[in-house]
Amino acid sequence: MILLTGFEPFGGETVNPSWEAAQQAAAILADEGEAVIAVRLPCVFGASIDVLADAVRAHQPQLVLCVGQAGGRSEVSLERIAINVDDARIPDNAGNQPVDDAVRAGGPAAYFSTLPLKRSLQALVEARLPAAVSQTAGTYVCNHVFYGLMDLLAHGDGAPRGGFIHVPFSTEQAQAHGASGMPIGEMARALVVIARTSADAGADLRIAAGAEH
């Protein structure tokens, strides 16, 4: 079973491409015969992890891909690390705005993704889909969910592999904001490539995909 999650709209947007792409990717994988489910998460600190945890416990997936929007980025971002910090520049959809709080009090400072990030990056490049390994998932609800997922998995509550993927603005959002964007169909294709690659239990590649700053 593969679990894909995306978020409801936030920050004044009327759509969130992470959810649209997650649904489309789930439909493609289902047509290929995969057992897959897509779940929409609220863009709310705390509640988002609760919904995710319920889905993981209910479906017992072997792979979890959580997806969020990173408006302004120009490619699909394979997130490497989740940090134990909530520091919200804007309120979430319930009006919460934590500053310098822990995602989980007493939890580890950080968790690394257990997805094969470099193999996924190579597969995306070969599929001519713009992608990069990202060293930060921010400190908003996306990182909150990423940390919550990895904390769940670290305690044996769910899938052996999981991680977080950021997608850019949709093409329509990009035009409205004068920023980079990507068609939602391409985002969905990228998620399918990542899911297929991650379903293979092989070791990750050792190729350079770091950052200078």
C-alpha atoms as a PDB file:
ATOM      1  CA  MET A   1       0.000   0.000   0.000  1.00  0.00           C
ATOM      2  CA  ILE A   2       1.222   3.479  -0.939  1.00  0.00           C
ATOM      3  CA  LEU A   3      -0.056   6.506   0.968  1.00  0.00           C
ATOM      4  CA  LEU A   4       0.116   9.906  -0.721  1.00  0.00           C
ATOM      5  CA  THR A   5      -0.827  13.069   1.118  1.00  0.00           C
ATOM      6  CA  GLY A   6      -1.313  16.663   0.020  1.00  0.00           C
ATOM      7  CA  PHE A   7      -2.524  19.811   1.730  1.00  0.00           C
ATOM      8  CA  GLU A   8      -5.611  21.960   1.569  1.00  0.00           C
ATOM      9  CA  PRO A   9      -5.078  25.504   0.217  1.00  0.00           C
ATOM     10  CA  PHE A  10      -3.439  28.039   2.520  1.00  0.00           C
ATOM     11  CA  GLY A  11      -2.106  31.579   2.511  1.00  0.00           C
ATOM     12  CA  GLY A  12      -5.018  32.973   0.510  1.00  0.00           C
ATOM     13  CA  GLU A  13      -4.724  30.478  -2.373  1.00  0.00           C
ATOM     14  CA  THR A  14      -7.827  28.748  -3.702  1.00  0.00           C
ATOM     15  CA  VAL A  15      -6.022  25.533  -4.686  1.00  0.00           C
ATOM     16  CA  ASN A  16      -3.038  23.612  -3.421  1.00  0.00           C
ATOM     17  CA  PRO A  17      -1.190  21.776  -6.201  1.00  0.00           C
ATOM     18  CA  SER A  18       0.223  19.294  -3.704  1.00  0.00           C
ATOM     19  CA  TRP A  19      -3.238  17.811  -3.221  1.00  0.00           C
ATOM     20  CA  GLU A  20      -4.162  17.972  -6.893  1.00  0.00           C
ATOM     21  CA  ALA A  21      -0.912  16.236  -7.846  1.00  0.00           C
ATOM     22  CA  ALA A  22      -1.252  13.626  -5.100  1.00  0.00           C
ATOM     23  CA  GLN A  23      -4.739  12.710  -6.325  1.00  0.00           C
ATOM     24  CA  GLN A  24      -3.605  12.456  -9.945  1.00  0.00           C
ATOM     25  CA  ALA A  25      -0.557  10.380  -9.014  1.00  0.00           C
ATOM     26  CA  ALA A  26      -2.731   8.045  -6.945  1.00  0.00           C
ATOM     27  CA  ALA A  27      -5.058   7.562  -9.916  1.00  0.00           C
ATOM     28  CA  ILE A  28      -2.132   6.724 -12.229  1.00  0.00           C
ATOM     29  CA  LEU A  29      -0.692   4.228  -9.750  1.00  0.00           C
ATOM     30  CA  ALA A  30      -4.114   2.659  -9.173  1.00  0.00           C
ATOM     31  CA  ASP A  31      -4.526   2.207 -12.934  1.00  0.00           C
ATOM     32  CA  GLU A  32      -1.196   0.356 -12.901  1.00  0.00           C
ATOM     33  CA  GLY A  33      -2.560  -2.035 -10.294  1.00  0.00           C
ATOM     34  CA  GLU A  34      -0.941  -0.515  -7.204  1.00  0.00           C
ATOM     35  CA  ALA A  35      -2.782  -0.383  -3.896  1.00  0.00           C
ATOM     36  CA  VAL A  36      -2.750   3.340  -3.188  1.00  0.00           C
ATOM     37  CA  ILE A  37      -4.701   5.972  -1.305  1.00  0.00           C
ATOM     38  CA  ALA A  38      -4.516   9.772  -1.250  1.00  0.00           C
ATOM     39  CA  VAL A  39      -5.406  11.732   1.891  1.00  0.00           C
ATOM     40  CA  ARG A  40      -5.773  15.511   2.205  1.00  0.00           C
ATOM     41  CA  LEU A  41      -4.195  17.060   5.283  1.00  0.00           C
ATOM     42  CA  PRO A  42      -5.315  20.301   6.932  1.00  0.00           C
ATOM     43  CA  CYS A  43      -2.785  23.106   6.829  1.00  0.00           C
ATOM     44  CA  VAL A  44      -2.875  23.262  10.612  1.00  0.00           C
ATOM     45  CA  PHE A  45      -0.162  22.594  13.156  1.00  0.00           C
ATOM     46  CA  GLY A  46      -0.992  19.533  15.256  1.00  0.00           C
ATOM     47  CA  ALA A  47      -4.138  18.515  13.394  1.00  0.00           C
ATOM     48  CA  SER A  48      -2.141  17.728  10.240  1.00  0.00           C
ATOM     49  CA  ILE A  49      -0.033  15.160  12.081  1.00  0.00           C
ATOM     50  CA  ASP A  50      -3.147  13.701  13.719  1.00  0.00           C
ATOM     51  CA  VAL A  51      -4.802  13.114  10.322  1.00  0.00           C
ATOM     52  CA  LEU A  52      -1.576  11.666   8.925  1.00  0.00           C
ATOM     53  CA  ALA A  53      -1.133   9.339  11.911  1.00  0.00           C
ATOM     54  CA  ASP A  54      -4.716   8.106  11.584  1.00  0.00           C
ATOM     55  CA  ALA A  55      -4.140   7.341   7.890  1.00  0.00           C
ATOM     56  CA  VAL A  56      -0.888   5.498   8.572  1.00  0.00           C
ATOM     57  CA  ARG A  57      -2.494   3.377  11.289  1.00  0.00           C
ATOM     58  CA  ALA A  58      -5.609   2.670   9.228  1.00  0.00           C
ATOM     59  CA  HIS A  59      -3.882   1.692   5.986  1.00  0.00           C
ATOM     60  CA  GLN A  60      -0.489   0.338   7.159  1.00  0.00           C
ATOM     61  CA  PRO A  61       1.272   1.570   3.999  1.00  0.00           C
ATOM     62  CA  GLN A  62       4.655   0.328   2.895  1.00  0.00           C
ATOM     63  CA  LEU A  63       5.502   3.746   1.469  1.00  0.00           C
ATOM     64  CA  VAL A  64       4.395   7.240   2.470  1.00  0.00           C
ATOM     65  CA  LEU A  65       4.948  10.277   0.263  1.00  0.00           C
ATOM     66  CA  CYS A  66       3.821  13.508   1.904  1.00  0.00           C
ATOM     67  CA  VAL A  67       3.595  16.402  -0.538  1.00  0.00           C
ATOM     68  CA  GLY A  68       3.435  20.149   0.021  1.00  0.00           C
ATOM     69  CA  GLN A  69       3.594  23.385  -1.935  1.00  0.00           C
ATOM     70  CA  ALA A  70       6.748  25.506  -2.023  1.00  0.00           C
ATOM     71  CA  GLY A  71       5.649  28.513  -4.030  1.00  0.00           C
ATOM     72  CA  GLY A  72       8.559  30.163  -5.795  1.00  0.00           C
ATOM     73  CA  ARG A  73      10.643  27.042  -6.277  1.00  0.00           C
ATOM     74  CA  SER A  74      11.122  25.973  -9.878  1.00  0.00           C
ATOM     75  CA  GLU A  75      11.429  22.208  -9.486  1.00  0.00           C
ATOM     76  CA  VAL A  76      10.200  19.216  -7.541  1.00  0.00           C
ATOM     77  CA  SER A  77      12.143  19.198  -4.268  1.00  0.00           C
ATOM     78  CA  LEU A  78      13.158  15.923  -2.645  1.00  0.00           C
ATOM     79  CA  GLU A  79      13.440  16.951   0.998  1.00  0.00           C
ATOM     80  CA  ARG A  80      16.408  15.490   2.870  1.00  0.00           C
ATOM     81  CA  ILE A  81      15.846  16.532   6.482  1.00  0.00           C
ATOM     82  CA  ALA A  82      13.010  17.414   8.875  1.00  0.00           C
ATOM     83  CA  ILE A  83      13.864  19.561  11.894  1.00  0.00           C
ATOM     84  CA  ASN A  84      12.157  19.695  15.287  1.00  0.00           C
ATOM     85  CA  VAL A  85      11.105  23.340  14.996  1.00  0.00           C
ATOM     86  CA  ASP A  86       7.816  25.122  14.315  1.00  0.00           C
ATOM     87  CA  ASP A  87       8.450  28.773  13.428  1.00  0.00           C
ATOM     88  CA  ALA A  88       5.539  30.175  11.432  1.00  0.00           C
ATOM     89  CA  ARG A  89       5.968  33.392   9.450  1.00  0.00           C
ATOM     90  CA  ILE A  90       2.197  33.363   8.757  1.00  0.00           C
ATOM     91  CA  PRO A  91      -0.681  31.797  10.706  1.00  0.00           C
ATOM     92  CA  ASP A  92      -1.951  28.378   9.680  1.00  0.00           C
ATOM     93  CA  ASN A  93      -5.537  27.840   8.576  1.00  0.00           C
ATOM     94  CA  ALA A  94      -6.717  27.700  12.189  1.00  0.00           C
ATOM     95  CA  GLY A  95      -4.931  30.910  13.162  1.00  0.00           C
ATOM     96  CA  ASN A  96      -2.066  29.192  14.974  1.00  0.00           C
ATOM     97  CA  GLN A  97       1.346  30.825  14.654  1.00  0.00           C
ATOM     98  CA  PRO A  98       3.904  28.965  16.778  1.00  0.00           C
ATOM     99  CA  VAL A  99       7.327  30.560  17.112  1.00  0.00           C
ATOM    100  CA  ASP A 100      10.400  28.542  18.065  1.00  0.00           C
ATOM    101  CA  ASP A 101       8.318  25.629  19.360  1.00  0.00           C
ATOM    102  CA  ALA A 102       9.281  21.966  19.080  1.00  0.00           C
ATOM    103  CA  VAL A 103       7.254  19.727  16.794  1.00  0.00           C
ATOM    104  CA  ARG A 104       7.589  17.138  19.561  1.00  0.00           C
ATOM    105  CA  ALA A 105       8.971  18.228  22.915  1.00  0.00           C
ATOM    106  CA  GLY A 106      11.967  16.079  23.773  1.00  0.00           C
ATOM    107  CA  GLY A 107      12.189  14.634  20.252  1.00  0.00           C
ATOM    108  CA  PRO A 108      15.398  14.371  18.250  1.00  0.00           C
ATOM    109  CA  ALA A 109      16.696  17.575  16.674  1.00  0.00           C
ATOM    110  CA  ALA A 110      16.104  16.155  13.194  1.00  0.00           C
ATOM    111  CA  TYR A 111      15.212  13.140  11.092  1.00  0.00           C
ATOM    112  CA  PHE A 112      16.469  12.206   7.633  1.00  0.00           C
ATOM    113  CA  SER A 113      14.124  11.022   4.899  1.00  0.00           C
ATOM    114  CA  THR A 114      14.178   7.276   4.325  1.00  0.00           C
ATOM    115  CA  LEU A 115      13.371   7.652   0.620  1.00  0.00           C
ATOM    116  CA  PRO A 116      16.102   6.857  -1.921  1.00  0.00           C
ATOM    117  CA  LEU A 117      16.553  10.534  -2.719  1.00  0.00           C
ATOM    118  CA  LYS A 118      19.480  10.264  -5.125  1.00  0.00           C
ATOM    119  CA  ARG A 119      17.975   7.360  -7.089  1.00  0.00           C
ATOM    120  CA  SER A 120      14.729   9.301  -7.279  1.00  0.00           C
ATOM    121  CA  LEU A 121      16.588  12.392  -8.465  1.00  0.00           C
ATOM    122  CA  GLN A 122      18.317  10.412 -11.200  1.00  0.00           C
ATOM    123  CA  ALA A 123      15.009   8.856 -12.278  1.00  0.00           C
ATOM    124  CA  LEU A 124      13.349  12.276 -12.430  1.00  0.00           C
ATOM    125  CA  VAL A 125      16.187  13.731 -14.493  1.00  0.00           C
ATOM    126  CA  GLU A 126      15.971  10.774 -16.879  1.00  0.00           C
ATOM    127  CA  ALA A 127      12.226  11.432 -17.172  1.00  0.00           C
ATOM    128  CA  ARG A 128      13.042  15.084 -18.047  1.00  0.00           C
ATOM    129  CA  LEU A 129      11.287  16.378 -14.947  1.00  0.00           C
ATOM    130  CA  PRO A 130      12.951  19.297 -13.117  1.00  0.00           C
ATOM    131  CA  ALA A 131      14.036  18.147  -9.674  1.00  0.00           C
ATOM    132  CA  ALA A 132      16.588  18.730  -6.934  1.00  0.00           C
ATOM    133  CA  VAL A 133      17.466  17.460  -3.478  1.00  0.00           C
ATOM    134  CA  SER A 134      16.486  20.139  -0.970  1.00  0.00           C
ATOM    135  CA  GLN A 135      18.268  20.682   2.331  1.00  0.00           C
ATOM    136  CA  THR A 136      15.380  22.476   4.045  1.00  0.00           C
ATOM    137  CA  ALA A 137      11.639  21.879   4.193  1.00  0.00           C
ATOM    138  CA  GLY A 138      11.119  25.213   5.959  1.00  0.00           C
ATOM    139  CA  THR A 139       9.642  25.642   9.430  1.00  0.00           C
ATOM    140  CA  TYR A 140       5.947  25.812   8.535  1.00  0.00           C
ATOM    141  CA  VAL A 141       3.325  23.028   8.377  1.00  0.00           C
ATOM    142  CA  CYS A 142       5.209  21.097   5.664  1.00  0.00           C
ATOM    143  CA  ASN A 143       8.244  20.567   7.880  1.00  0.00           C
ATOM    144  CA  HIS A 144       5.879  19.920  10.802  1.00  0.00           C
ATOM    145  CA  VAL A 145       4.249  17.048   8.893  1.00  0.00           C
ATOM    146  CA  PHE A 146       7.597  15.764   7.594  1.00  0.00           C
ATOM    147  CA  TYR A 147       8.988  15.602  11.134  1.00  0.00           C
ATOM    148  CA  GLY A 148       5.760  14.051  12.419  1.00  0.00           C
ATOM    149  CA  LEU A 149       5.875  11.367   9.729  1.00  0.00           C
ATOM    150  CA  MET A 150       9.476  10.426  10.405  1.00  0.00           C
ATOM    151  CA  ASP A 151       8.807  10.417  14.157  1.00  0.00           C
ATOM    152  CA  LEU A 152       5.917   7.997  13.599  1.00  0.00           C
ATOM    153  CA  LEU A 153       8.049   5.725  11.446  1.00  0.00           C
ATOM    154  CA  ALA A 154      10.963   5.868  13.888  1.00  0.00           C
ATOM    155  CA  HIS A 155       8.677   4.474  16.568  1.00  0.00           C
ATOM    156  CA  GLY A 156       7.564   1.582  14.383  1.00  0.00           C
ATOM    157  CA  ASP A 157       4.153   3.019  13.610  1.00  0.00           C
ATOM    158  CA  GLY A 158       3.819   2.541   9.877  1.00  0.00           C
ATOM    159  CA  ALA A 159       5.854   2.307   6.732  1.00  0.00           C
ATOM    160  CA  PRO A 160       9.483   1.284   6.295  1.00  0.00           C
ATOM    161  CA  ARG A 161       9.989   4.158   3.850  1.00  0.00           C
ATOM    162  CA  GLY A 162       8.683   7.690   3.910  1.00  0.00           C
ATOM    163  CA  GLY A 163       9.554  11.273   3.205  1.00  0.00           C
ATOM    164  CA  PHE A 164       8.439  14.661   1.973  1.00  0.00           C
ATOM    165  CA  ILE A 165       8.260  16.185  -1.497  1.00  0.00           C
ATOM    166  CA  HIS A 166       7.729  19.869  -2.261  1.00  0.00           C
ATOM    167  CA  VAL A 167       6.128  20.932  -5.542  1.00  0.00           C
ATOM    168  CA  PRO A 168       6.141  24.449  -7.072  1.00  0.00           C
ATOM    169  CA  PHE A 169       3.195  26.685  -7.798  1.00  0.00           C
ATOM    170  CA  SER A 170       0.884  25.352 -10.477  1.00  0.00           C
ATOM    171  CA  THR A 171       1.172  27.055 -13.862  1.00  0.00           C
ATOM    172  CA  GLU A 172      -1.909  29.158 -13.101  1.00  0.00           C
ATOM    173  CA  GLN A 173      -0.601  30.221  -9.676  1.00  0.00           C
ATOM    174  CA  ALA A 174       2.784  31.034 -11.176  1.00  0.00           C
ATOM    175  CA  GLN A 175       1.197  33.358 -13.727  1.00  0.00           C
ATOM    176  CA  ALA A 176      -0.737  35.125 -10.970  1.00  0.00           C
ATOM    177  CA  HIS A 177       2.362  35.533  -8.786  1.00  0.00           C
ATOM    178  CA  GLY A 178       4.931  36.182 -11.506  1.00  0.00           C
ATOM    179  CA  ALA A 179       6.915  33.206 -10.251  1.00  0.00           C
ATOM    180  CA  SER A 180       8.131  29.798 -11.384  1.00  0.00           C
ATOM    181  CA  GLY A 181       5.575  27.051 -11.766  1.00  0.00           C
ATOM    182  CA  MET A 182       4.846  23.621 -13.190  1.00  0.00           C
ATOM    183  CA  PRO A 183       1.784  21.928 -14.692  1.00  0.00           C
ATOM    184  CA  ILE A 184       0.040  19.764 -12.111  1.00  0.00           C
ATOM    185  CA  GLY A 185       0.187  16.836 -14.527  1.00  0.00           C
ATOM    186  CA  GLU A 186       3.991  17.019 -14.495  1.00  0.00           C
ATOM    187  CA  MET A 187       3.984  17.134 -10.694  1.00  0.00           C
ATOM    188  CA  ALA A 188       1.837  14.006 -10.663  1.00  0.00           C
ATOM    189  CA  ARG A 189       4.213  12.265 -13.064  1.00  0.00           C
ATOM    190  CA  ALA A 190       7.101  13.168 -10.789  1.00  0.00           C
ATOM    191  CA  LEU A 191       5.327  11.677  -7.772  1.00  0.00           C
ATOM    192  CA  VAL A 192       4.692   8.480  -9.717  1.00  0.00           C
ATOM    193  CA  VAL A 193       8.387   8.266 -10.632  1.00  0.00           C
ATOM    194  CA  ILE A 194       9.365   8.790  -6.973  1.00  0.00           C
ATOM    195  CA  ALA A 195       6.847   6.184  -5.810  1.00  0.00           C
ATOM    196  CA  ARG A 196       8.061   3.599  -8.330  1.00  0.00           C
ATOM    197  CA  THR A 197      11.692   4.248  -7.426  1.00  0.00           C
ATOM    198  CA  SER A 198      11.019   4.153  -3.695  1.00  0.00           C
ATOM    199  CA  ALA A 199       9.074   0.890  -3.950  1.00  0.00           C
ATOM    200  CA  ASP A 200      12.356  -0.774  -4.929  1.00  0.00           C
ATOM    201  CA  ALA A 201      14.129  -1.763  -1.727  1.00  0.00           C
ATOM    202  CA  GLY A 202      17.587  -1.246  -3.239  1.00  0.00           C
ATOM    203  CA  ALA A 203      20.209   1.034  -1.724  1.00  0.00           C
ATOM    204  CA  ASP A 204      20.392   4.678  -2.656  1.00  0.00           C
ATOM    205  CA  LEU A 205      22.960   6.068  -5.072  1.00  0.00           C
ATOM    206  CA  ARG A 206      25.986   8.046  -3.928  1.00  0.00           C
ATOM    207  CA  ILE A 207      25.963  11.035  -6.271  1.00  0.00           C
ATOM    208  CA  ALA A 208      26.510  14.713  -5.556  1.00  0.00           C
ATOM    209  CA  ALA A 209      23.304  16.711  -5.012  1.00  0.00           C
ATOM    210  CA  GLY A 210      24.265  19.053  -2.203  1.00  0.00           C
ATOM    211  CA  ALA A 211      24.235  22.825  -1.883  1.00  0.00           C
ATOM    212  CA  GLU A 212      26.834  25.522  -1.271  1.00  0.00           C
ATOM    213  CA  HIS A 213      24.451  27.718   0.712  1.00  0.00           C
END
